[in-house]
């Protein structure tokens, strides 16, 4: 019965190690998307302000 949980923890740790880089990439992509969205909002505000 003790080997069961041990194997589960090993599997979970290996999965976390494999998914680690993916989560990091997701965070980087999220930050870039948020930055781009902020820039786009600023550009839209400027365009609306420049229009008569």
N, C-alpha and C. Protein backbone atom coordinates (compact mmCIF):
# COMPACT_ATOMS: atom_id res chain seq x y z
N UNK A 1 0.84 -1.21 0.00
CA UNK A 1 0.00 0.00 0.00
C UNK A 1 0.87 1.26 0.00
N UNK A 2 2.07 1.15 0.59
CA UNK A 2 2.95 2.32 0.68
C UNK A 2 3.52 2.66 -0.70
N UNK A 3 3.71 1.63 -1.54
CA UNK A 3 4.29 1.89 -2.87
C UNK A 3 3.31 2.70 -3.73
N UNK A 4 2.02 2.55 -3.52
CA UNK A 4 1.02 3.27 -4.32
C UNK A 4 1.24 4.78 -4.26
N UNK A 5 1.12 5.37 -3.07
CA UNK A 5 1.31 6.83 -2.94
C UNK A 5 2.69 7.26 -3.42
N UNK A 6 3.70 6.44 -3.16
CA UNK A 6 5.06 6.79 -3.59
C UNK A 6 5.10 6.95 -5.10
N UNK A 7 4.51 6.00 -5.83
CA UNK A 7 4.51 6.08 -7.29
C UNK A 7 3.71 7.30 -7.75
N UNK A 8 2.60 7.58 -7.07
CA UNK A 8 1.77 8.73 -7.46
C UNK A 8 2.58 10.01 -7.31
N UNK A 9 3.31 10.14 -6.18
CA UNK A 9 4.09 11.37 -5.96
C UNK A 9 5.16 11.49 -7.04
N UNK A 10 5.79 10.38 -7.40
CA UNK A 10 6.83 10.42 -8.43
C UNK A 10 6.21 10.85 -9.76
N UNK A 11 5.04 10.30 -10.08
CA UNK A 11 4.38 10.65 -11.34
C UNK A 11 4.01 12.13 -11.35
N UNK A 12 3.47 12.61 -10.22
CA UNK A 12 3.05 14.01 -10.15
C UNK A 12 4.27 14.91 -10.27
N UNK A 13 5.37 14.54 -9.61
CA UNK A 13 6.58 15.38 -9.67
C UNK A 13 7.12 15.40 -11.10
N UNK A 14 7.13 14.24 -11.76
CA UNK A 14 7.64 14.18 -13.13
C UNK A 14 6.74 15.01 -14.05
N UNK A 15 5.44 14.94 -13.82
CA UNK A 15 4.51 15.72 -14.65
C UNK A 15 4.74 17.21 -14.43
N UNK A 16 4.94 17.60 -13.16
CA UNK A 16 5.18 19.01 -12.87
C UNK A 16 6.46 19.46 -13.55
N UNK A 17 7.49 18.61 -13.53
CA UNK A 17 8.76 18.98 -14.18
C UNK A 17 8.55 19.15 -15.68
N UNK A 18 7.73 18.29 -16.28
CA UNK A 18 7.48 18.38 -17.72
C UNK A 18 6.61 19.60 -18.04
N UNK A 19 5.64 19.89 -17.16
CA UNK A 19 4.73 21.02 -17.41
C UNK A 19 5.35 22.34 -16.95
N UNK A 20 6.41 22.29 -16.16
CA UNK A 20 7.04 23.52 -15.66
C UNK A 20 7.32 24.51 -16.78
N UNK A 21 8.12 24.12 -17.79
CA UNK A 21 8.44 25.03 -18.91
C UNK A 21 7.19 25.55 -19.60
N UNK A 22 6.16 24.71 -19.72
CA UNK A 22 4.93 25.16 -20.40
C UNK A 22 4.26 26.26 -19.60
N UNK A 23 4.24 26.10 -18.26
CA UNK A 23 3.63 27.13 -17.42
C UNK A 23 4.43 28.42 -17.53
N UNK A 24 5.77 28.30 -17.56
CA UNK A 24 6.61 29.49 -17.69
C UNK A 24 6.33 30.19 -19.01
N UNK A 25 6.22 29.41 -20.09
CA UNK A 25 5.92 30.00 -21.40
C UNK A 25 4.55 30.66 -21.37
N UNK A 26 3.59 30.02 -20.72
CA UNK A 26 2.24 30.59 -20.63
C UNK A 26 2.29 31.92 -19.89
N UNK A 27 3.10 31.97 -18.81
CA UNK A 27 3.21 33.23 -18.06
C UNK A 27 3.82 34.31 -18.94
N UNK A 28 4.88 33.94 -19.67
CA UNK A 28 5.53 34.93 -20.55
C UNK A 28 4.54 35.40 -21.61
N UNK A 29 3.82 34.45 -22.22
CA UNK A 29 2.85 34.83 -23.26
C UNK A 29 1.76 35.72 -22.66
N UNK A 30 1.31 35.38 -21.45
CA UNK A 30 0.28 36.19 -20.80
C UNK A 30 0.77 37.61 -20.57
N UNK A 31 2.02 37.74 -20.07
CA UNK A 31 2.56 39.07 -19.84
C UNK A 31 2.65 39.85 -21.14
N UNK A 32 3.11 39.20 -22.20
CA UNK A 32 3.24 39.87 -23.51
C UNK A 32 1.86 40.29 -24.01
N UNK A 33 0.88 39.39 -23.87
CA UNK A 33 -0.47 39.71 -24.35
C UNK A 33 -1.04 40.89 -23.57
N UNK A 34 -0.82 40.90 -22.25
CA UNK A 34 -1.33 42.01 -21.44
C UNK A 34 -0.65 43.30 -21.85
N UNK A 35 0.67 43.24 -22.09
CA UNK A 35 1.39 44.44 -22.51
C UNK A 35 0.85 44.92 -23.85
N UNK A 36 0.64 44.00 -24.79
CA UNK A 36 0.13 44.38 -26.11
C UNK A 36 -1.28 44.95 -25.98
N UNK A 37 -2.10 44.36 -25.12
CA UNK A 37 -3.47 44.86 -24.95
C UNK A 37 -3.43 46.27 -24.39
N UNK A 38 -2.54 46.52 -23.42
CA UNK A 38 -2.42 47.87 -22.86
C UNK A 38 -1.98 48.84 -23.95
N UNK A 39 -1.00 48.45 -24.76
CA UNK A 39 -0.52 49.33 -25.82
C UNK A 39 -1.63 49.59 -26.82
N UNK A 40 -2.38 48.56 -27.18
CA UNK A 40 -3.46 48.72 -28.16
C UNK A 40 -4.52 49.67 -27.59
N UNK A 41 -4.83 49.53 -26.31
CA UNK A 41 -5.82 50.42 -25.70
C UNK A 41 -5.32 51.86 -25.74
N UNK A 42 -4.03 52.05 -25.45
CA UNK A 42 -3.47 53.40 -25.48
C UNK A 42 -3.53 53.96 -26.90
N UNK A 43 -3.19 53.13 -27.90
CA UNK A 43 -3.22 53.59 -29.29
C UNK A 43 -4.65 53.95 -29.68
N UNK A 44 -5.61 53.15 -29.27
CA UNK A 44 -7.02 53.43 -29.60
C UNK A 44 -7.43 54.76 -28.98
N UNK A 45 -7.04 54.98 -27.71
CA UNK A 45 -7.39 56.24 -27.04
C UNK A 45 -6.78 57.41 -27.81
N UNK A 46 -5.53 57.27 -28.23
CA UNK A 46 -4.86 58.35 -28.96
C UNK A 46 -5.58 58.60 -30.29
N UNK A 47 -5.95 57.51 -30.99
CA UNK A 47 -6.64 57.68 -32.27
C UNK A 47 -7.96 58.42 -32.07
N UNK A 48 -8.72 58.01 -31.05
CA UNK A 48 -10.00 58.68 -30.82
C UNK A 48 -9.77 60.15 -30.48
N UNK A 49 -8.71 60.43 -29.70
CA UNK A 49 -8.45 61.81 -29.31
C UNK A 49 -8.00 62.64 -30.50
N UNK A 50 -7.28 62.04 -31.46
CA UNK A 50 -6.77 62.80 -32.61
C UNK A 50 -7.89 63.08 -33.60
N UNK A 51 -8.91 62.21 -33.61
CA UNK A 51 -10.00 62.41 -34.57
C UNK A 51 -10.84 63.63 -34.17
N UNK A 52 -11.38 64.37 -35.14
CA UNK A 52 -12.19 65.57 -34.85
C UNK A 52 -13.52 65.21 -34.20
